[in-house]
Each structure stands twice: as C-alpha cells, then as structure tokens.
N, C-alpha and C. Protein backbone atom coordinates (compact mmCIF):
# COMPACT_ATOMS: atom_id res chain seq x y z
N MET A 1 -54.80 -2.69 12.00
CA MET A 1 -54.29 -3.55 13.04
C MET A 1 -52.81 -3.82 12.77
N LEU A 2 -52.00 -3.87 13.81
CA LEU A 2 -50.58 -4.13 13.67
C LEU A 2 -50.32 -5.60 13.41
N MET A 3 -49.38 -5.87 12.50
CA MET A 3 -49.00 -7.25 12.21
C MET A 3 -48.13 -7.80 13.32
N PRO A 4 -48.34 -9.02 13.70
CA PRO A 4 -47.45 -9.62 14.69
C PRO A 4 -46.02 -9.68 14.13
N LEU A 5 -45.06 -9.55 15.01
CA LEU A 5 -43.64 -9.56 14.63
C LEU A 5 -43.27 -10.78 13.81
N PHE A 6 -43.84 -11.93 14.14
CA PHE A 6 -43.55 -13.17 13.42
C PHE A 6 -43.84 -13.02 11.93
N TRP A 7 -44.98 -12.44 11.58
CA TRP A 7 -45.38 -12.31 10.18
C TRP A 7 -44.52 -11.29 9.45
N ILE A 8 -44.09 -10.27 10.15
CA ILE A 8 -43.20 -9.26 9.53
C ILE A 8 -41.87 -9.90 9.17
N VAL A 9 -41.31 -10.66 10.10
CA VAL A 9 -40.04 -11.34 9.85
C VAL A 9 -40.19 -12.35 8.74
N LEU A 10 -41.26 -13.15 8.79
CA LEU A 10 -41.48 -14.17 7.77
C LEU A 10 -41.65 -13.54 6.39
N SER A 11 -42.39 -12.46 6.29
CA SER A 11 -42.58 -11.82 4.98
C SER A 11 -41.26 -11.24 4.48
N GLY A 12 -40.45 -10.76 5.38
CA GLY A 12 -39.13 -10.25 4.99
C GLY A 12 -38.25 -11.36 4.45
N LEU A 13 -38.32 -12.54 5.03
CA LEU A 13 -37.52 -13.67 4.56
C LEU A 13 -37.96 -14.13 3.18
N MET A 14 -39.22 -13.96 2.87
CA MET A 14 -39.71 -14.37 1.55
C MET A 14 -39.35 -13.33 0.49
N VAL A 15 -39.22 -12.06 0.87
CA VAL A 15 -38.89 -11.00 -0.09
C VAL A 15 -37.41 -11.03 -0.45
N VAL A 16 -36.53 -11.33 0.50
CA VAL A 16 -35.08 -11.29 0.26
C VAL A 16 -34.66 -12.18 -0.90
N PRO A 17 -35.05 -13.47 -0.95
CA PRO A 17 -34.64 -14.29 -2.10
C PRO A 17 -35.17 -13.75 -3.43
N ALA A 18 -36.38 -13.23 -3.43
CA ALA A 18 -36.95 -12.69 -4.66
C ALA A 18 -36.15 -11.49 -5.15
N LEU A 19 -35.74 -10.63 -4.24
CA LEU A 19 -34.92 -9.48 -4.62
C LEU A 19 -33.56 -9.91 -5.13
N ALA A 20 -32.97 -10.91 -4.49
CA ALA A 20 -31.65 -11.40 -4.90
C ALA A 20 -31.70 -11.95 -6.32
N GLU A 21 -32.81 -12.64 -6.66
CA GLU A 21 -32.95 -13.18 -8.01
C GLU A 21 -33.02 -12.07 -9.05
N GLU A 22 -33.55 -10.92 -8.66
CA GLU A 22 -33.69 -9.79 -9.58
C GLU A 22 -32.41 -8.95 -9.63
N GLY A 23 -31.38 -9.32 -8.87
CA GLY A 23 -30.12 -8.60 -8.88
C GLY A 23 -30.09 -7.39 -7.98
N VAL A 24 -31.03 -7.26 -7.07
CA VAL A 24 -31.08 -6.13 -6.15
C VAL A 24 -30.13 -6.41 -4.99
N THR A 25 -29.25 -5.47 -4.71
CA THR A 25 -28.33 -5.60 -3.59
C THR A 25 -28.96 -4.95 -2.37
N LEU A 26 -29.16 -5.74 -1.34
CA LEU A 26 -29.83 -5.23 -0.15
C LEU A 26 -28.93 -4.33 0.68
N TYR A 27 -27.66 -4.60 0.69
CA TYR A 27 -26.72 -3.82 1.49
C TYR A 27 -25.59 -3.32 0.59
N PRO A 28 -25.90 -2.38 -0.31
CA PRO A 28 -24.88 -1.93 -1.27
C PRO A 28 -23.67 -1.31 -0.60
N GLU A 29 -23.83 -0.70 0.57
CA GLU A 29 -22.68 -0.09 1.23
C GLU A 29 -21.66 -1.14 1.65
N PHE A 30 -22.10 -2.34 2.00
CA PHE A 30 -21.16 -3.40 2.37
C PHE A 30 -20.36 -3.85 1.16
N LYS A 31 -21.06 -4.09 0.06
CA LYS A 31 -20.38 -4.53 -1.16
C LYS A 31 -19.41 -3.46 -1.65
N THR A 32 -19.83 -2.20 -1.64
CA THR A 32 -18.97 -1.11 -2.09
C THR A 32 -17.73 -1.01 -1.22
N THR A 33 -17.92 -1.08 0.09
CA THR A 33 -16.77 -1.00 1.00
C THR A 33 -15.81 -2.14 0.74
N GLN A 34 -16.34 -3.33 0.56
CA GLN A 34 -15.48 -4.49 0.33
C GLN A 34 -14.69 -4.32 -0.96
N LEU A 35 -15.34 -3.89 -2.03
CA LEU A 35 -14.65 -3.71 -3.30
C LEU A 35 -13.59 -2.62 -3.19
N GLN A 36 -13.93 -1.54 -2.50
CA GLN A 36 -12.95 -0.46 -2.37
C GLN A 36 -11.72 -0.95 -1.62
N SER A 37 -11.88 -1.72 -0.56
CA SER A 37 -10.73 -2.15 0.21
C SER A 37 -9.85 -3.09 -0.61
N GLU A 38 -10.47 -3.89 -1.50
CA GLU A 38 -9.69 -4.80 -2.33
C GLU A 38 -8.96 -4.04 -3.44
N GLU A 39 -9.50 -2.90 -3.84
CA GLU A 39 -8.95 -2.18 -4.98
C GLU A 39 -8.04 -1.03 -4.58
N LYS A 40 -7.87 -0.78 -3.29
CA LYS A 40 -7.04 0.34 -2.87
C LYS A 40 -5.58 0.09 -3.26
N HIS A 41 -4.94 1.18 -3.61
CA HIS A 41 -3.51 1.14 -3.90
C HIS A 41 -2.84 2.00 -2.83
N TYR A 42 -1.74 1.49 -2.30
CA TYR A 42 -1.15 2.12 -1.13
C TYR A 42 0.19 2.78 -1.42
N LEU A 43 0.42 3.87 -0.68
CA LEU A 43 1.64 4.64 -0.74
C LEU A 43 2.16 4.77 0.68
N ALA A 44 3.43 4.44 0.88
CA ALA A 44 4.03 4.57 2.21
C ALA A 44 4.11 6.04 2.60
N ASN A 45 3.73 6.32 3.82
CA ASN A 45 3.75 7.69 4.33
C ASN A 45 5.00 7.87 5.19
N ILE A 46 6.06 8.33 4.56
CA ILE A 46 7.33 8.54 5.26
C ILE A 46 7.46 10.03 5.52
N THR A 47 7.52 10.41 6.79
CA THR A 47 7.54 11.83 7.14
C THR A 47 8.80 12.24 7.88
N ILE A 48 9.39 11.33 8.64
CA ILE A 48 10.58 11.66 9.43
C ILE A 48 11.84 11.55 8.58
N HIS A 49 11.80 10.71 7.57
CA HIS A 49 12.91 10.50 6.64
C HIS A 49 14.16 9.96 7.33
N SER A 50 13.97 8.92 8.12
CA SER A 50 15.10 8.27 8.78
C SER A 50 15.13 6.80 8.39
N PRO A 51 16.31 6.19 8.46
CA PRO A 51 16.39 4.75 8.21
C PRO A 51 15.48 3.94 9.15
N ASP A 52 15.36 4.37 10.39
CA ASP A 52 14.48 3.65 11.33
C ASP A 52 13.03 3.71 10.90
N GLU A 53 12.59 4.85 10.41
CA GLU A 53 11.22 4.97 9.93
C GLU A 53 11.00 4.08 8.71
N LEU A 54 11.97 4.05 7.81
CA LEU A 54 11.88 3.19 6.63
C LEU A 54 11.80 1.73 7.05
N LYS A 55 12.61 1.35 8.02
CA LYS A 55 12.59 -0.02 8.53
C LYS A 55 11.21 -0.37 9.07
N GLU A 56 10.60 0.54 9.80
CA GLU A 56 9.27 0.31 10.37
C GLU A 56 8.21 0.21 9.26
N VAL A 57 8.32 1.04 8.25
CA VAL A 57 7.38 0.98 7.12
C VAL A 57 7.47 -0.38 6.43
N LEU A 58 8.69 -0.84 6.19
CA LEU A 58 8.88 -2.14 5.54
C LEU A 58 8.39 -3.28 6.42
N ARG A 59 8.62 -3.16 7.71
CA ARG A 59 8.16 -4.18 8.65
C ARG A 59 6.62 -4.24 8.64
N GLN A 60 5.97 -3.08 8.61
CA GLN A 60 4.51 -3.03 8.57
C GLN A 60 3.98 -3.59 7.24
N ALA A 61 4.69 -3.32 6.14
CA ALA A 61 4.29 -3.87 4.84
C ALA A 61 4.38 -5.40 4.87
N ASP A 62 5.40 -5.92 5.53
CA ASP A 62 5.57 -7.36 5.66
C ASP A 62 4.41 -7.96 6.46
N ILE A 63 4.04 -7.33 7.54
CA ILE A 63 2.92 -7.79 8.36
C ILE A 63 1.62 -7.71 7.56
N PHE A 64 1.44 -6.63 6.84
CA PHE A 64 0.28 -6.42 5.99
C PHE A 64 0.16 -7.56 4.98
N TYR A 65 1.28 -7.91 4.37
CA TYR A 65 1.33 -8.97 3.36
C TYR A 65 1.01 -10.33 3.96
N GLU A 66 1.51 -10.59 5.16
CA GLU A 66 1.30 -11.88 5.80
C GLU A 66 -0.14 -12.07 6.30
N ASP A 67 -0.88 -10.99 6.43
CA ASP A 67 -2.26 -11.09 6.87
C ASP A 67 -3.06 -11.85 5.81
N SER A 68 -3.54 -13.01 6.15
CA SER A 68 -4.22 -13.86 5.17
C SER A 68 -5.54 -13.27 4.69
N ASN A 69 -6.08 -12.27 5.37
CA ASN A 69 -7.32 -11.64 4.96
C ASN A 69 -7.11 -10.48 4.01
N TYR A 70 -5.86 -10.22 3.64
CA TYR A 70 -5.57 -9.05 2.84
C TYR A 70 -5.09 -9.46 1.45
N HIS A 71 -5.48 -8.69 0.46
CA HIS A 71 -5.04 -8.93 -0.91
C HIS A 71 -4.48 -7.62 -1.46
N LEU A 72 -3.24 -7.65 -1.92
CA LEU A 72 -2.64 -6.46 -2.53
C LEU A 72 -2.96 -6.46 -4.02
N ALA A 73 -3.71 -5.47 -4.46
CA ALA A 73 -4.00 -5.33 -5.88
C ALA A 73 -2.73 -4.91 -6.63
N LYS A 74 -1.94 -4.06 -5.99
CA LYS A 74 -0.67 -3.59 -6.53
C LYS A 74 0.31 -3.47 -5.37
N PRO A 75 1.60 -3.53 -5.66
CA PRO A 75 2.57 -3.35 -4.57
C PRO A 75 2.44 -1.97 -3.91
N ILE A 76 2.79 -1.89 -2.66
CA ILE A 76 2.81 -0.62 -1.93
C ILE A 76 3.96 0.21 -2.48
N LYS A 77 3.67 1.42 -2.89
CA LYS A 77 4.71 2.32 -3.42
C LYS A 77 5.46 2.94 -2.24
N VAL A 78 6.77 2.85 -2.29
CA VAL A 78 7.63 3.46 -1.28
C VAL A 78 8.54 4.43 -2.02
N VAL A 79 8.29 5.72 -1.82
CA VAL A 79 9.08 6.76 -2.48
C VAL A 79 9.92 7.44 -1.42
N VAL A 80 11.25 7.29 -1.54
CA VAL A 80 12.14 7.89 -0.54
C VAL A 80 12.85 9.08 -1.15
N HIS A 81 12.91 10.17 -0.37
CA HIS A 81 13.53 11.40 -0.89
C HIS A 81 14.21 12.18 0.23
N GLY A 82 14.71 11.46 1.21
CA GLY A 82 15.41 12.09 2.32
C GLY A 82 16.53 11.18 2.80
N ALA A 83 16.94 11.37 4.04
CA ALA A 83 18.07 10.61 4.60
C ALA A 83 17.84 9.10 4.55
N GLU A 84 16.57 8.67 4.53
CA GLU A 84 16.28 7.23 4.47
C GLU A 84 16.76 6.60 3.16
N ALA A 85 17.00 7.42 2.13
CA ALA A 85 17.49 6.91 0.84
C ALA A 85 18.89 6.32 0.96
N GLU A 86 19.64 6.75 1.96
CA GLU A 86 21.00 6.22 2.16
C GLU A 86 21.01 4.71 2.39
N VAL A 87 19.91 4.17 2.86
CA VAL A 87 19.81 2.72 3.08
C VAL A 87 20.08 1.96 1.79
N PHE A 88 19.72 2.53 0.65
CA PHE A 88 19.82 1.83 -0.62
C PHE A 88 21.11 2.11 -1.39
N ILE A 89 22.06 2.76 -0.74
CA ILE A 89 23.37 2.98 -1.35
C ILE A 89 24.19 1.71 -1.12
N THR A 90 24.69 1.12 -2.18
CA THR A 90 25.36 -0.19 -2.07
C THR A 90 26.54 -0.18 -1.11
N ASP A 91 27.25 0.93 -1.01
CA ASP A 91 28.41 1.00 -0.10
C ASP A 91 28.00 0.99 1.37
N ARG A 92 26.75 1.13 1.67
CA ARG A 92 26.27 1.17 3.06
C ARG A 92 25.64 -0.16 3.50
N TYR A 93 25.92 -1.21 2.78
CA TYR A 93 25.26 -2.50 3.05
C TYR A 93 25.46 -2.96 4.49
N ARG A 94 26.67 -2.93 4.97
CA ARG A 94 26.93 -3.41 6.34
C ARG A 94 26.12 -2.63 7.38
N GLN A 95 26.03 -1.35 7.18
CA GLN A 95 25.33 -0.50 8.13
C GLN A 95 23.81 -0.77 8.14
N TYR A 96 23.26 -1.08 6.96
CA TYR A 96 21.81 -1.21 6.83
C TYR A 96 21.36 -2.60 6.37
N LYS A 97 22.19 -3.59 6.58
CA LYS A 97 21.94 -4.95 6.08
C LYS A 97 20.52 -5.47 6.37
N PRO A 98 20.02 -5.41 7.61
CA PRO A 98 18.68 -5.96 7.86
C PRO A 98 17.58 -5.25 7.06
N ILE A 99 17.71 -3.94 6.92
CA ILE A 99 16.70 -3.18 6.17
C ILE A 99 16.78 -3.51 4.69
N VAL A 100 18.00 -3.60 4.16
CA VAL A 100 18.21 -3.91 2.74
C VAL A 100 17.66 -5.30 2.42
N LYS A 101 17.93 -6.26 3.28
CA LYS A 101 17.46 -7.62 3.04
C LYS A 101 15.93 -7.67 3.05
N LEU A 102 15.31 -7.01 4.00
CA LEU A 102 13.85 -6.99 4.06
C LEU A 102 13.28 -6.28 2.83
N ALA A 103 13.87 -5.16 2.45
CA ALA A 103 13.40 -4.41 1.28
C ALA A 103 13.51 -5.26 0.01
N ALA A 104 14.64 -5.93 -0.16
CA ALA A 104 14.85 -6.77 -1.35
C ALA A 104 13.85 -7.93 -1.38
N GLN A 105 13.61 -8.53 -0.22
CA GLN A 105 12.65 -9.63 -0.14
C GLN A 105 11.24 -9.15 -0.49
N LEU A 106 10.82 -8.04 0.09
CA LEU A 106 9.48 -7.52 -0.18
C LEU A 106 9.33 -7.07 -1.63
N GLN A 107 10.41 -6.53 -2.19
CA GLN A 107 10.39 -6.12 -3.60
C GLN A 107 10.23 -7.36 -4.48
N SER A 108 10.97 -8.42 -4.18
CA SER A 108 10.90 -9.63 -5.02
C SER A 108 9.54 -10.32 -4.91
N LEU A 109 8.87 -10.18 -3.77
CA LEU A 109 7.53 -10.74 -3.59
C LEU A 109 6.43 -9.82 -4.14
N GLU A 110 6.83 -8.69 -4.67
CA GLU A 110 5.92 -7.67 -5.20
C GLU A 110 4.98 -7.12 -4.13
N VAL A 111 5.50 -7.02 -2.91
CA VAL A 111 4.76 -6.40 -1.82
C VAL A 111 4.98 -4.89 -1.88
N VAL A 112 6.18 -4.47 -2.25
CA VAL A 112 6.52 -3.06 -2.36
C VAL A 112 7.20 -2.78 -3.69
N ASP A 113 7.09 -1.54 -4.13
CA ASP A 113 7.89 -0.98 -5.23
C ASP A 113 8.62 0.20 -4.61
N ILE A 114 9.94 0.16 -4.64
CA ILE A 114 10.73 1.20 -3.99
C ILE A 114 11.36 2.10 -5.04
N PHE A 115 11.24 3.41 -4.78
CA PHE A 115 11.79 4.42 -5.68
C PHE A 115 12.57 5.45 -4.87
N VAL A 116 13.70 5.86 -5.42
CA VAL A 116 14.51 6.92 -4.80
C VAL A 116 14.42 8.15 -5.69
N CYS A 117 14.34 9.30 -5.06
CA CYS A 117 14.24 10.58 -5.74
C CYS A 117 15.57 10.92 -6.44
N GLU A 118 15.53 11.14 -7.76
CA GLU A 118 16.73 11.50 -8.52
C GLU A 118 17.28 12.85 -8.09
N THR A 119 16.42 13.77 -7.70
CA THR A 119 16.86 15.07 -7.22
C THR A 119 17.68 14.90 -5.95
N TRP A 120 17.23 14.01 -5.04
CA TRP A 120 17.99 13.73 -3.82
C TRP A 120 19.32 13.07 -4.17
N ILE A 121 19.31 12.14 -5.10
CA ILE A 121 20.53 11.44 -5.51
C ILE A 121 21.57 12.45 -5.99
N GLN A 122 21.18 13.30 -6.92
CA GLN A 122 22.12 14.28 -7.48
C GLN A 122 22.52 15.33 -6.44
N GLY A 123 21.58 15.78 -5.64
CA GLY A 123 21.85 16.79 -4.63
C GLY A 123 22.80 16.33 -3.54
N ASN A 124 22.93 15.01 -3.38
CA ASN A 124 23.82 14.47 -2.35
C ASN A 124 25.07 13.84 -2.94
N GLY A 125 25.32 14.13 -4.21
CA GLY A 125 26.57 13.71 -4.84
C GLY A 125 26.63 12.24 -5.25
N TYR A 126 25.50 11.60 -5.42
CA TYR A 126 25.47 10.20 -5.84
C TYR A 126 24.99 10.09 -7.28
N GLU A 127 25.10 8.88 -7.80
CA GLU A 127 24.59 8.56 -9.12
C GLU A 127 23.69 7.34 -8.99
N LYS A 128 22.86 7.11 -10.00
CA LYS A 128 21.94 5.97 -9.96
C LYS A 128 22.68 4.66 -9.75
N LYS A 129 23.87 4.55 -10.31
CA LYS A 129 24.64 3.31 -10.21
C LYS A 129 25.10 3.02 -8.79
N ASP A 130 25.01 3.98 -7.89
CA ASP A 130 25.39 3.79 -6.49
C ASP A 130 24.32 3.06 -5.69
N PHE A 131 23.16 2.80 -6.30
CA PHE A 131 22.03 2.21 -5.61
C PHE A 131 21.78 0.78 -6.10
N TYR A 132 21.14 0.00 -5.27
CA TYR A 132 20.81 -1.38 -5.63
C TYR A 132 19.93 -1.40 -6.86
N ASN A 133 20.10 -2.46 -7.65
CA ASN A 133 19.33 -2.54 -8.90
C ASN A 133 17.85 -2.86 -8.68
N PHE A 134 17.45 -3.27 -7.48
CA PHE A 134 16.03 -3.52 -7.24
C PHE A 134 15.27 -2.24 -6.88
N VAL A 135 15.98 -1.12 -6.79
CA VAL A 135 15.37 0.16 -6.45
C VAL A 135 15.25 1.00 -7.71
N GLY A 136 14.05 1.49 -7.97
CA GLY A 136 13.84 2.38 -9.10
C GLY A 136 14.08 3.83 -8.71
N THR A 137 13.92 4.71 -9.66
CA THR A 137 14.07 6.14 -9.38
C THR A 137 12.88 6.90 -9.96
N VAL A 138 12.64 8.07 -9.39
CA VAL A 138 11.65 9.01 -9.90
C VAL A 138 12.34 10.37 -9.95
N PRO A 139 11.94 11.24 -10.88
CA PRO A 139 12.61 12.53 -11.00
C PRO A 139 12.58 13.37 -9.71
N PHE A 140 11.41 13.46 -9.07
CA PHE A 140 11.29 14.28 -7.86
C PHE A 140 10.28 13.60 -6.93
N GLY A 141 10.75 13.10 -5.80
CA GLY A 141 9.94 12.31 -4.88
C GLY A 141 8.64 12.94 -4.44
N PRO A 142 8.65 14.19 -3.93
CA PRO A 142 7.39 14.79 -3.49
C PRO A 142 6.35 14.91 -4.62
N ALA A 143 6.80 15.22 -5.82
CA ALA A 143 5.87 15.32 -6.95
C ALA A 143 5.30 13.95 -7.30
N GLU A 144 6.12 12.91 -7.21
CA GLU A 144 5.64 11.56 -7.49
C GLU A 144 4.60 11.12 -6.46
N MET A 145 4.84 11.46 -5.21
CA MET A 145 3.88 11.12 -4.16
C MET A 145 2.55 11.84 -4.40
N LYS A 146 2.63 13.10 -4.76
CA LYS A 146 1.41 13.88 -5.05
C LYS A 146 0.68 13.28 -6.25
N ARG A 147 1.41 12.90 -7.26
CA ARG A 147 0.81 12.28 -8.45
C ARG A 147 0.07 11.00 -8.08
N LEU A 148 0.72 10.15 -7.26
CA LEU A 148 0.09 8.90 -6.85
C LEU A 148 -1.17 9.14 -6.02
N LEU A 149 -1.10 10.11 -5.12
CA LEU A 149 -2.29 10.44 -4.31
C LEU A 149 -3.42 10.94 -5.20
N ASN A 150 -3.10 11.75 -6.22
CA ASN A 150 -4.11 12.24 -7.16
C ASN A 150 -4.71 11.12 -7.99
N MET A 151 -3.95 10.04 -8.18
CA MET A 151 -4.45 8.88 -8.92
C MET A 151 -5.34 7.99 -8.05
N GLY A 152 -5.42 8.29 -6.75
CA GLY A 152 -6.28 7.49 -5.89
C GLY A 152 -5.56 6.62 -4.89
N TYR A 153 -4.23 6.69 -4.87
CA TYR A 153 -3.48 5.95 -3.86
C TYR A 153 -3.81 6.54 -2.49
N VAL A 154 -3.75 5.71 -1.48
CA VAL A 154 -3.97 6.17 -0.11
C VAL A 154 -2.74 5.82 0.72
N TYR A 155 -2.51 6.63 1.75
CA TYR A 155 -1.34 6.36 2.59
C TYR A 155 -1.50 5.06 3.34
N PHE A 156 -0.41 4.36 3.41
CA PHE A 156 -0.34 3.08 4.11
C PHE A 156 0.21 3.34 5.50
C-alpha cells in the first residue's frame, strides 16, 4: 500500500536532524559550490590591451569589492603587458589620472595586485623606475598569466 504524502514528509523531517547529527551533508553540491566561490582567486582578463579596457577592469573590480555578498580571498591579479601598461608610467599621470587614482586606491585596499611585464618595459625603452611604486613587475606577462591559471586562478 502507498504511504500517504503526509507520512512521507513527516518521516523525512525526522530523518534530516538525525543525519545532521551524524555529520552527513544532505546537499554536498551546495556546500562545495559555496566553498569554491569563497576560495576562488581571480585574474583580470585583459585582451584588447588599451587604457580604456584597463579602466573598465578596475571599475569592475571596485564594484566586485563593494558587493557586500562577496569576499576576496586574495587580491585580483592584474597583469599588464601591452599598451595599457602606459597608464602606470609616472610621466603620464595627467593623461591617465582617474585610472591611476582608482588603481592606487584598489591596490591599497588589497582589492588588486598590479604587475607590469618587464619584457614590455624593456621593449618599449622604459625602466622599472619609470613606473609607480605601487605597481610590481613580472619577467614576462603572458607566462605569468599562464602560471596563475595553472595554479587555479580564474578569469575575472
């Protein structure tokens, strides 16, 4: 004979607390998803390599940070290795002032970690001293991005 729906629901309600006491997770996919989202490490996906794209990435990082439901386990890595790197040349401050100010603010809040490619720096006739001190460097930007992705970073 089929059990009435009421008894099925009631028996289910009595089993759930017993399972919880034994440490059984009823919805492991929810817990796993939640933990993964809290533990993700992000890498900015810059493809056009323009100052405008960099500005948009930083603006999105700022919005991401302000979202009260979000927790950054680590700062978002921003690796620049194209024309967007010019934003961080100290002599270009007037031209890129709003972007530089936002980048410096986000860096100080540990929302982002910004790195400029040393190969790009040398290839364009600059030196590390030509860049703001809040910007780090990496030997080769594309290789650093690949390394971060291999470590489990995901594009932001």
